[in-house]
Amino acid sequence: MFLTHVLVGNHNRLRSEPSEQWFRLKQIIQHPEYDSQDSFRNDLALLELNGMIEYTAEVQPLCLTRAGVEPGQLCATAGWGDTLGREL
C-alpha cells in the first residue's frame, strides 16, 4: 500500500465526521537510520502535506517532551497505523 492522502480530525474510522480535513501527501521524509527489518528502531517520518492543517477543538498538534529521553526508556505514543503489514 502506498500512502497518498492524510486525514486529520477523524475520531471514528467507521464514519465521516465534520471535523475531518483531507490532504494530499507531497513527500515522506523517513528517518535516515530507519530499518524496516527492526520494526521500532527509528520508525519515524515527517509528512509534507499539500496544505496547512487548521487547528480546531478536534485537531491539535502533538506536544513533544522537552525533557531528555534516555535510550531504552519506555515511552508512549498514540495514533492509527498498521503494525502488522495489513492494509488499513
PDB file of N, CA and C in Angstrom:
ATOM      1  N   MET A   1       0.839  -1.169   0.000  1.00  0.00           N
ATOM      2  CA  MET A   1       0.000   0.000   0.000  1.00  0.00           C
ATOM      3  C   MET A   1       0.888   1.237   0.000  1.00  0.00           C
ATOM      4  N   PHE A   2       0.565   2.219  -0.834  1.00  0.00           N
ATOM      5  CA  PHE A   2       1.314   3.466  -0.868  1.00  0.00           C
ATOM      6  C   PHE A   2       0.415   4.585  -0.392  1.00  0.00           C
ATOM      7  N   LEU A   3       0.871   5.313   0.589  1.00  0.00           N
ATOM      8  CA  LEU A   3       0.106   6.399   1.188  1.00  0.00           C
ATOM      9  C   LEU A   3       0.057   7.588   0.237  1.00  0.00           C
ATOM     10  N   THR A   4      -1.144   8.073  -0.091  1.00  0.00           N
ATOM     11  CA  THR A   4      -1.279   9.230  -0.981  1.00  0.00           C
ATOM     12  C   THR A   4      -2.059  10.367  -0.349  1.00  0.00           C
ATOM     13  N   HIS A   5      -2.826  10.078   0.692  1.00  0.00           N
ATOM     14  CA  HIS A   5      -3.641  11.089   1.358  1.00  0.00           C
ATOM     15  C   HIS A   5      -3.470  10.985   2.875  1.00  0.00           C
ATOM     16  N   VAL A   6      -3.714  12.092   3.546  1.00  0.00           N
ATOM     17  CA  VAL A   6      -3.654  12.137   5.012  1.00  0.00           C
ATOM     18  C   VAL A   6      -4.976  12.704   5.509  1.00  0.00           C
ATOM     19  N   LEU A   7      -5.542  12.069   6.510  1.00  0.00           N
ATOM     20  CA  LEU A   7      -6.792  12.506   7.127  1.00  0.00           C
ATOM     21  C   LEU A   7      -6.511  12.898   8.569  1.00  0.00           C
ATOM     22  N   VAL A   8      -6.913  14.118   8.954  1.00  0.00           N
ATOM     23  CA  VAL A   8      -6.820  14.545  10.350  1.00  0.00           C
ATOM     24  C   VAL A   8      -8.220  14.904  10.836  1.00  0.00           C
ATOM     25  N   GLY A   9      -8.435  14.808  12.123  1.00  0.00           N
ATOM     26  CA  GLY A   9      -9.714  15.212  12.701  1.00  0.00           C
ATOM     27  C   GLY A   9     -10.790  14.148  12.669  1.00  0.00           C
ATOM     28  N   ASN A  10     -10.442  12.929  12.300  1.00  0.00           N
ATOM     29  CA  ASN A  10     -11.422  11.844  12.313  1.00  0.00           C
ATOM     30  C   ASN A  10     -11.204  11.035  13.578  1.00  0.00           C
ATOM     31  N   HIS A  11     -12.251  10.823  14.345  1.00  0.00           N
ATOM     32  CA  HIS A  11     -12.131  10.100  15.606  1.00  0.00           C
ATOM     33  C   HIS A  11     -12.854   8.771  15.581  1.00  0.00           C
ATOM     34  N   ASN A  12     -13.571   8.483  14.517  1.00  0.00           N
ATOM     35  CA  ASN A  12     -14.258   7.211  14.335  1.00  0.00           C
ATOM     36  C   ASN A  12     -14.042   6.801  12.885  1.00  0.00           C
ATOM     37  N   ARG A  13     -13.143   5.830  12.671  1.00  0.00           N
ATOM     38  CA  ARG A  13     -12.777   5.435  11.314  1.00  0.00           C
ATOM     39  C   ARG A  13     -13.930   4.817  10.534  1.00  0.00           C
ATOM     40  N   LEU A  14     -15.041   4.518  11.196  1.00  0.00           N
ATOM     41  CA  LEU A  14     -16.167   3.874  10.513  1.00  0.00           C
ATOM     42  C   LEU A  14     -17.132   4.875   9.888  1.00  0.00           C
ATOM     43  N   ARG A  15     -16.965   6.175  10.196  1.00  0.00           N
ATOM     44  CA  ARG A  15     -17.871   7.162   9.609  1.00  0.00           C
ATOM     45  C   ARG A  15     -17.152   8.492   9.405  1.00  0.00           C
ATOM     46  N   SER A  16     -17.688   9.272   8.474  1.00  0.00           N
ATOM     47  CA  SER A  16     -17.158  10.599   8.213  1.00  0.00           C
ATOM     48  C   SER A  16     -17.621  11.546   9.313  1.00  0.00           C
ATOM     49  N   GLU A  17     -16.780  12.539   9.629  1.00  0.00           N
ATOM     50  CA  GLU A  17     -17.103  13.480  10.688  1.00  0.00           C
ATOM     51  C   GLU A  17     -16.872  14.908  10.205  1.00  0.00           C
ATOM     52  N   PRO A  18     -17.628  15.886  10.730  1.00  0.00           N
ATOM     53  CA  PRO A  18     -17.462  17.280  10.307  1.00  0.00           C
ATOM     54  C   PRO A  18     -16.066  17.849  10.585  1.00  0.00           C
ATOM     55  N   SER A  19     -15.358  17.282  11.539  1.00  0.00           N
ATOM     56  CA  SER A  19     -14.039  17.794  11.920  1.00  0.00           C
ATOM     57  C   SER A  19     -12.919  17.323  10.987  1.00  0.00           C
ATOM     58  N   GLU A  20     -13.238  16.469  10.020  1.00  0.00           N
ATOM     59  CA  GLU A  20     -12.215  15.904   9.142  1.00  0.00           C
ATOM     60  C   GLU A  20     -11.598  16.938   8.212  1.00  0.00           C
ATOM     61  N   GLN A  21     -10.302  16.759   7.980  1.00  0.00           N
ATOM     62  CA  GLN A  21      -9.568  17.541   6.992  1.00  0.00           C
ATOM     63  C   GLN A  21      -8.700  16.563   6.196  1.00  0.00           C
ATOM     64  N   TRP A  22      -8.863  16.577   4.875  1.00  0.00           N
ATOM     65  CA  TRP A  22      -8.102  15.694   3.983  1.00  0.00           C
ATOM     66  C   TRP A  22      -7.001  16.473   3.293  1.00  0.00           C
ATOM     67  N   PHE A  23      -5.840  15.833   3.116  1.00  0.00           N
ATOM     68  CA  PHE A  23      -4.707  16.439   2.425  1.00  0.00           C
ATOM     69  C   PHE A  23      -4.052  15.414   1.512  1.00  0.00           C
ATOM     70  N   ARG A  24      -3.479  15.908   0.426  1.00  0.00           N
ATOM     71  CA  ARG A  24      -2.633  15.064  -0.416  1.00  0.00           C
ATOM     72  C   ARG A  24      -1.232  15.058   0.181  1.00  0.00           C
ATOM     73  N   LEU A  25      -0.595  13.930   0.085  1.00  0.00           N
ATOM     74  CA  LEU A  25       0.768  13.784   0.586  1.00  0.00           C
ATOM     75  C   LEU A  25       1.742  14.235  -0.499  1.00  0.00           C
ATOM     76  N   LYS A  26       2.600  15.203  -0.160  1.00  0.00           N
ATOM     77  CA  LYS A  26       3.605  15.685  -1.113  1.00  0.00           C
ATOM     78  C   LYS A  26       4.911  14.911  -0.983  1.00  0.00           C
ATOM     79  N   GLN A  27       5.267  14.573   0.258  1.00  0.00           N
ATOM     80  CA  GLN A  27       6.563  13.932   0.471  1.00  0.00           C
ATOM     81  C   GLN A  27       6.596  13.219   1.813  1.00  0.00           C
ATOM     82  N   ILE A  28       7.301  12.097   1.849  1.00  0.00           N
ATOM     83  CA  ILE A  28       7.584  11.385   3.099  1.00  0.00           C
ATOM     84  C   ILE A  28       9.083  11.485   3.335  1.00  0.00           C
ATOM     85  N   ILE A  29       9.463  11.976   4.510  1.00  0.00           N
ATOM     86  CA  ILE A  29      10.880  12.074   4.870  1.00  0.00           C
ATOM     87  C   ILE A  29      11.122  11.076   6.002  1.00  0.00           C
ATOM     88  N   GLN A  30      11.716   9.935   5.661  1.00  0.00           N
ATOM     89  CA  GLN A  30      11.975   8.893   6.654  1.00  0.00           C
ATOM     90  C   GLN A  30      13.228   9.220   7.458  1.00  0.00           C
ATOM     91  N   HIS A  31      13.262   8.716   8.673  1.00  0.00           N
ATOM     92  CA  HIS A  31      14.469   8.828   9.488  1.00  0.00           C
ATOM     93  C   HIS A  31      15.606   8.173   8.710  1.00  0.00           C
ATOM     94  N   PRO A  32      16.777   8.805   8.626  1.00  0.00           N
ATOM     95  CA  PRO A  32      17.867   8.249   7.819  1.00  0.00           C
ATOM     96  C   PRO A  32      18.376   6.892   8.300  1.00  0.00           C
ATOM     97  N   GLU A  33      18.105   6.545   9.559  1.00  0.00           N
ATOM     98  CA  GLU A  33      18.555   5.259  10.081  1.00  0.00           C
ATOM     99  C   GLU A  33      17.402   4.274  10.279  1.00  0.00           C
ATOM    100  N   TYR A  34      16.254   4.534   9.614  1.00  0.00           N
ATOM    101  CA  TYR A  34      15.118   3.617   9.713  1.00  0.00           C
ATOM    102  C   TYR A  34      15.494   2.292   9.079  1.00  0.00           C
ATOM    103  N   ASP A  35      15.137   1.208   9.750  1.00  0.00           N
ATOM    104  CA  ASP A  35      15.400  -0.142   9.252  1.00  0.00           C
ATOM    105  C   ASP A  35      14.098  -0.917   9.305  1.00  0.00           C
ATOM    106  N   SER A  36      13.539  -1.235   8.149  1.00  0.00           N
ATOM    107  CA  SER A  36      12.242  -1.918   8.109  1.00  0.00           C
ATOM    108  C   SER A  36      12.302  -3.320   8.715  1.00  0.00           C
ATOM    109  N   GLN A  37      13.479  -3.884   8.867  1.00  0.00           N
ATOM    110  CA  GLN A  37      13.601  -5.208   9.489  1.00  0.00           C
ATOM    111  C   GLN A  37      13.485  -5.123  11.008  1.00  0.00           C
ATOM    112  N   ASP A  38      13.755  -3.957  11.561  1.00  0.00           N
ATOM    113  CA  ASP A  38      13.627  -3.720  13.006  1.00  0.00           C
ATOM    114  C   ASP A  38      12.439  -2.768  13.169  1.00  0.00           C
ATOM    115  N   SER A  39      11.261  -3.304  13.448  1.00  0.00           N
ATOM    116  CA  SER A  39      10.011  -2.563  13.309  1.00  0.00           C
ATOM    117  C   SER A  39       9.879  -1.316  14.181  1.00  0.00           C
ATOM    118  N   PHE A  40      10.714  -1.117  15.184  1.00  0.00           N
ATOM    119  CA  PHE A  40      10.558   0.044  16.052  1.00  0.00           C
ATOM    120  C   PHE A  40      11.748   0.993  16.036  1.00  0.00           C
ATOM    121  N   ARG A  41      12.904   0.528  15.652  1.00  0.00           N
ATOM    122  CA  ARG A  41      14.099   1.363  15.694  1.00  0.00           C
ATOM    123  C   ARG A  41      14.007   2.455  14.629  1.00  0.00           C
ATOM    124  N   ASN A  42      13.998   3.708  15.083  1.00  0.00           N
ATOM    125  CA  ASN A  42      13.940   4.869  14.194  1.00  0.00           C
ATOM    126  C   ASN A  42      12.713   4.860  13.280  1.00  0.00           C
ATOM    127  N   ASP A  43      11.629   4.286  13.766  1.00  0.00           N
ATOM    128  CA  ASP A  43      10.377   4.220  12.989  1.00  0.00           C
ATOM    129  C   ASP A  43       9.649   5.557  13.132  1.00  0.00           C
ATOM    130  N   LEU A  44      10.135   6.545  12.387  1.00  0.00           N
ATOM    131  CA  LEU A  44       9.639   7.898  12.483  1.00  0.00           C
ATOM    132  C   LEU A  44       9.785   8.556  11.120  1.00  0.00           C
ATOM    133  N   ALA A  45       8.798   9.323  10.724  1.00  0.00           N
ATOM    134  CA  ALA A  45       8.869  10.035   9.447  1.00  0.00           C
ATOM    135  C   ALA A  45       8.122  11.350   9.552  1.00  0.00           C
ATOM    136  N   LEU A  46       8.518  12.306   8.717  1.00  0.00           N
ATOM    137  CA  LEU A  46       7.799  13.559   8.583  1.00  0.00           C
ATOM    138  C   LEU A  46       6.968  13.473   7.308  1.00  0.00           C
ATOM    139  N   LEU A  47       5.750  13.993   7.367  1.00  0.00           N
ATOM    140  CA  LEU A  47       4.879  14.005   6.197  1.00  0.00           C
ATOM    141  C   LEU A  47       4.692  15.445   5.753  1.00  0.00           C
ATOM    142  N   GLU A  48       5.028  15.734   4.512  1.00  0.00           N
ATOM    143  CA  GLU A  48       4.772  17.061   3.957  1.00  0.00           C
ATOM    144  C   GLU A  48       3.442  17.001   3.226  1.00  0.00           C
ATOM    145  N   LEU A  49       2.528  17.885   3.598  1.00  0.00           N
ATOM    146  CA  LEU A  49       1.182  17.898   3.035  1.00  0.00           C
ATOM    147  C   LEU A  49       1.046  19.018   2.007  1.00  0.00           C
ATOM    148  N   ASN A  50      -0.015  18.959   1.208  1.00  0.00           N
ATOM    149  CA  ASN A  50      -0.236  19.972   0.182  1.00  0.00           C
ATOM    150  C   ASN A  50      -0.978  21.199   0.717  1.00  0.00           C
ATOM    151  N   GLY A  51      -1.187  21.285   2.013  1.00  0.00           N
ATOM    152  CA  GLY A  51      -1.873  22.423   2.609  1.00  0.00           C
ATOM    153  C   GLY A  51      -1.558  22.512   4.084  1.00  0.00           C
ATOM    154  N   MET A  52      -2.141  23.505   4.711  1.00  0.00           N
ATOM    155  CA  MET A  52      -1.930  23.728   6.144  1.00  0.00           C
ATOM    156  C   MET A  52      -3.090  23.118   6.935  1.00  0.00           C
ATOM    157  N   ILE A  53      -2.769  22.423   8.007  1.00  0.00           N
ATOM    158  CA  ILE A  53      -3.791  21.880   8.895  1.00  0.00           C
ATOM    159  C   ILE A  53      -4.387  23.033   9.698  1.00  0.00           C
ATOM    160  N   GLU A  54      -5.705  23.096   9.746  1.00  0.00           N
ATOM    161  CA  GLU A  54      -6.385  24.107  10.561  1.00  0.00           C
ATOM    162  C   GLU A  54      -6.612  23.521  11.951  1.00  0.00           C
ATOM    163  N   TYR A  55      -6.012  24.151  12.957  1.00  0.00           N
ATOM    164  CA  TYR A  55      -6.203  23.684  14.320  1.00  0.00           C
ATOM    165  C   TYR A  55      -7.581  24.100  14.812  1.00  0.00           C
ATOM    166  N   THR A  56      -8.282  23.137  15.384  1.00  0.00           N
ATOM    167  CA  THR A  56      -9.627  23.343  15.901  1.00  0.00           C
ATOM    168  C   THR A  56      -9.711  22.668  17.263  1.00  0.00           C
ATOM    169  N   ALA A  57     -10.892  22.642  17.844  1.00  0.00           N
ATOM    170  CA  ALA A  57     -11.087  21.920  19.112  1.00  0.00           C
ATOM    171  C   ALA A  57     -10.795  20.435  18.937  1.00  0.00           C
ATOM    172  N   GLU A  58     -11.029  19.904  17.730  1.00  0.00           N
ATOM    173  CA  GLU A  58     -10.824  18.479  17.468  1.00  0.00           C
ATOM    174  C   GLU A  58      -9.456  18.157  16.881  1.00  0.00           C
ATOM    175  N   VAL A  59      -8.758  19.144  16.353  1.00  0.00           N
ATOM    176  CA  VAL A  59      -7.471  18.932  15.680  1.00  0.00           C
ATOM    177  C   VAL A  59      -6.425  19.813  16.340  1.00  0.00           C
ATOM    178  N   GLN A  60      -5.446  19.186  16.988  1.00  0.00           N
ATOM    179  CA  GLN A  60      -4.388  19.899  17.690  1.00  0.00           C
ATOM    180  C   GLN A  60      -3.053  19.210  17.400  1.00  0.00           C
ATOM    181  N   PRO A  61      -1.955  19.962  17.476  1.00  0.00           N
ATOM    182  CA  PRO A  61      -0.642  19.348  17.266  1.00  0.00           C
ATOM    183  C   PRO A  61      -0.262  18.450  18.438  1.00  0.00           C
ATOM    184  N   LEU A  62       0.581  17.495  18.167  1.00  0.00           N
ATOM    185  CA  LEU A  62       1.118  16.617  19.195  1.00  0.00           C
ATOM    186  C   LEU A  62       2.199  17.363  19.957  1.00  0.00           C
ATOM    187  N   CYS A  63       2.119  17.360  21.259  1.00  0.00           N
ATOM    188  CA  CYS A  63       3.126  18.020  22.089  1.00  0.00           C
ATOM    189  C   CYS A  63       4.227  17.026  22.425  1.00  0.00           C
ATOM    190  N   LEU A  64       5.448  17.372  22.058  1.00  0.00           N
ATOM    191  CA  LEU A  64       6.598  16.520  22.354  1.00  0.00           C
ATOM    192  C   LEU A  64       7.264  17.003  23.634  1.00  0.00           C
ATOM    193  N   THR A  65       7.848  16.082  24.344  1.00  0.00           N
ATOM    194  CA  THR A  65       8.517  16.431  25.596  1.00  0.00           C
ATOM    195  C   THR A  65       9.783  17.234  25.337  1.00  0.00           C
ATOM    196  N   ARG A  66      10.075  18.138  26.235  1.00  0.00           N
ATOM    197  CA  ARG A  66      11.334  18.871  26.177  1.00  0.00           C
ATOM    198  C   ARG A  66      12.369  18.199  27.088  1.00  0.00           C
ATOM    199  N   ALA A  67      11.910  17.262  27.891  1.00  0.00           N
ATOM    200  CA  ALA A  67      12.798  16.535  28.791  1.00  0.00           C
ATOM    201  C   ALA A  67      13.605  15.519  27.983  1.00  0.00           C
ATOM    202  N   GLY A  68      14.770  15.221  28.479  1.00  0.00           N
ATOM    203  CA  GLY A  68      15.595  14.216  27.812  1.00  0.00           C
ATOM    204  C   GLY A  68      14.988  12.824  27.943  1.00  0.00           C
ATOM    205  N   VAL A  69      15.072  12.057  26.894  1.00  0.00           N
ATOM    206  CA  VAL A  69      14.609  10.676  26.906  1.00  0.00           C
ATOM    207  C   VAL A  69      15.841   9.802  26.722  1.00  0.00           C
ATOM    208  N   GLU A  70      16.056   8.920  27.659  1.00  0.00           N
ATOM    209  CA  GLU A  70      17.231   8.059  27.635  1.00  0.00           C
ATOM    210  C   GLU A  70      17.001   6.849  26.740  1.00  0.00           C
ATOM    211  N   PRO A  71      18.034   6.343  26.072  1.00  0.00           N
ATOM    212  CA  PRO A  71      17.895   5.120  25.278  1.00  0.00           C
ATOM    213  C   PRO A  71      17.342   3.987  26.129  1.00  0.00           C
ATOM    214  N   GLY A  72      16.382   3.271  25.604  1.00  0.00           N
ATOM    215  CA  GLY A  72      15.768   2.160  26.321  1.00  0.00           C
ATOM    216  C   GLY A  72      14.639   2.557  27.243  1.00  0.00           C
ATOM    217  N   GLN A  73      14.408   3.868  27.402  1.00  0.00           N
ATOM    218  CA  GLN A  73      13.334   4.335  28.274  1.00  0.00           C
ATOM    219  C   GLN A  73      11.983   4.038  27.631  1.00  0.00           C
ATOM    220  N   LEU A  74      11.038   3.539  28.428  1.00  0.00           N
ATOM    221  CA  LEU A  74       9.697   3.242  27.946  1.00  0.00           C
ATOM    222  C   LEU A  74       8.954   4.538  27.650  1.00  0.00           C
ATOM    223  N   CYS A  75       8.400   4.646  26.443  1.00  0.00           N
ATOM    224  CA  CYS A  75       7.652   5.830  26.027  1.00  0.00           C
ATOM    225  C   CYS A  75       6.295   5.397  25.483  1.00  0.00           C
ATOM    226  N   ALA A  76       5.387   6.329  25.366  1.00  0.00           N
ATOM    227  CA  ALA A  76       4.065   6.034  24.817  1.00  0.00           C
ATOM    228  C   ALA A  76       3.764   7.000  23.682  1.00  0.00           C
ATOM    229  N   THR A  77       3.003   6.530  22.709  1.00  0.00           N
ATOM    230  CA  THR A  77       2.558   7.357  21.597  1.00  0.00           C
ATOM    231  C   THR A  77       1.137   6.967  21.244  1.00  0.00           C
ATOM    232  N   ALA A  78       0.487   7.765  20.442  1.00  0.00           N
ATOM    233  CA  ALA A  78      -0.886   7.465  20.056  1.00  0.00           C
ATOM    234  C   ALA A  78      -1.061   7.750  18.574  1.00  0.00           C
ATOM    235  N   GLY A  79      -1.968   7.028  17.963  1.00  0.00           N
ATOM    236  CA  GLY A  79      -2.268   7.248  16.553  1.00  0.00           C
ATOM    237  C   GLY A  79      -2.781   5.973  15.932  1.00  0.00           C
ATOM    238  N   TRP A  80      -3.217   6.112  14.705  1.00  0.00           N
ATOM    239  CA  TRP A  80      -3.672   4.941  13.963  1.00  0.00           C
ATOM    240  C   TRP A  80      -2.621   4.591  12.944  1.00  0.00           C
ATOM    241  N   GLY A  81      -2.323   3.352  12.849  1.00  0.00           N
ATOM    242  CA  GLY A  81      -1.346   2.911  11.863  1.00  0.00           C
ATOM    243  C   GLY A  81      -1.343   1.414  11.794  1.00  0.00           C
ATOM    244  N   ASP A  82      -0.594   0.914  10.845  1.00  0.00           N
ATOM    245  CA  ASP A  82      -0.509  -0.523  10.617  1.00  0.00           C
ATOM    246  C   ASP A  82       0.774  -1.029  11.230  1.00  0.00           C
ATOM    247  N   THR A  83       0.681  -1.986  12.123  1.00  0.00           N
ATOM    248  CA  THR A  83       1.898  -2.562  12.729  1.00  0.00           C
ATOM    249  C   THR A  83       2.102  -4.005  12.309  1.00  0.00           C
ATOM    250  N   LEU A  84       1.169  -4.571  11.528  1.00  0.00           N
ATOM    251  CA  LEU A  84       1.276  -5.972  11.143  1.00  0.00           C
ATOM    252  C   LEU A  84       1.366  -6.185   9.634  1.00  0.00           C
ATOM    253  N   GLY A  85       1.537  -5.108   8.865  1.00  0.00           N
ATOM    254  CA  GLY A  85       1.679  -5.259   7.425  1.00  0.00           C
ATOM    255  C   GLY A  85       0.367  -5.490   6.693  1.00  0.00           C
ATOM    256  N   ARG A  86      -0.751  -5.163   7.331  1.00  0.00           N
ATOM    257  CA  ARG A  86      -2.062  -5.331   6.690  1.00  0.00           C
ATOM    258  C   ARG A  86      -2.488  -4.019   6.071  1.00  0.00           C
ATOM    259  N   GLU A  87      -3.383  -4.088   5.092  1.00  0.00           N
ATOM    260  CA  GLU A  87      -3.945  -2.861   4.534  1.00  0.00           C
ATOM    261  C   GLU A  87      -4.899  -2.246   5.540  1.00  0.00           C
ATOM    262  N   LEU A  88      -4.894  -0.930   5.625  1.00  0.00           N
ATOM    263  CA  LEU A  88      -5.793  -0.227   6.556  1.00  0.00           C
ATOM    264  C   LEU A  88      -7.141  -0.043   5.935  1.00  0.00           C
TER     265      LEU A  88
END
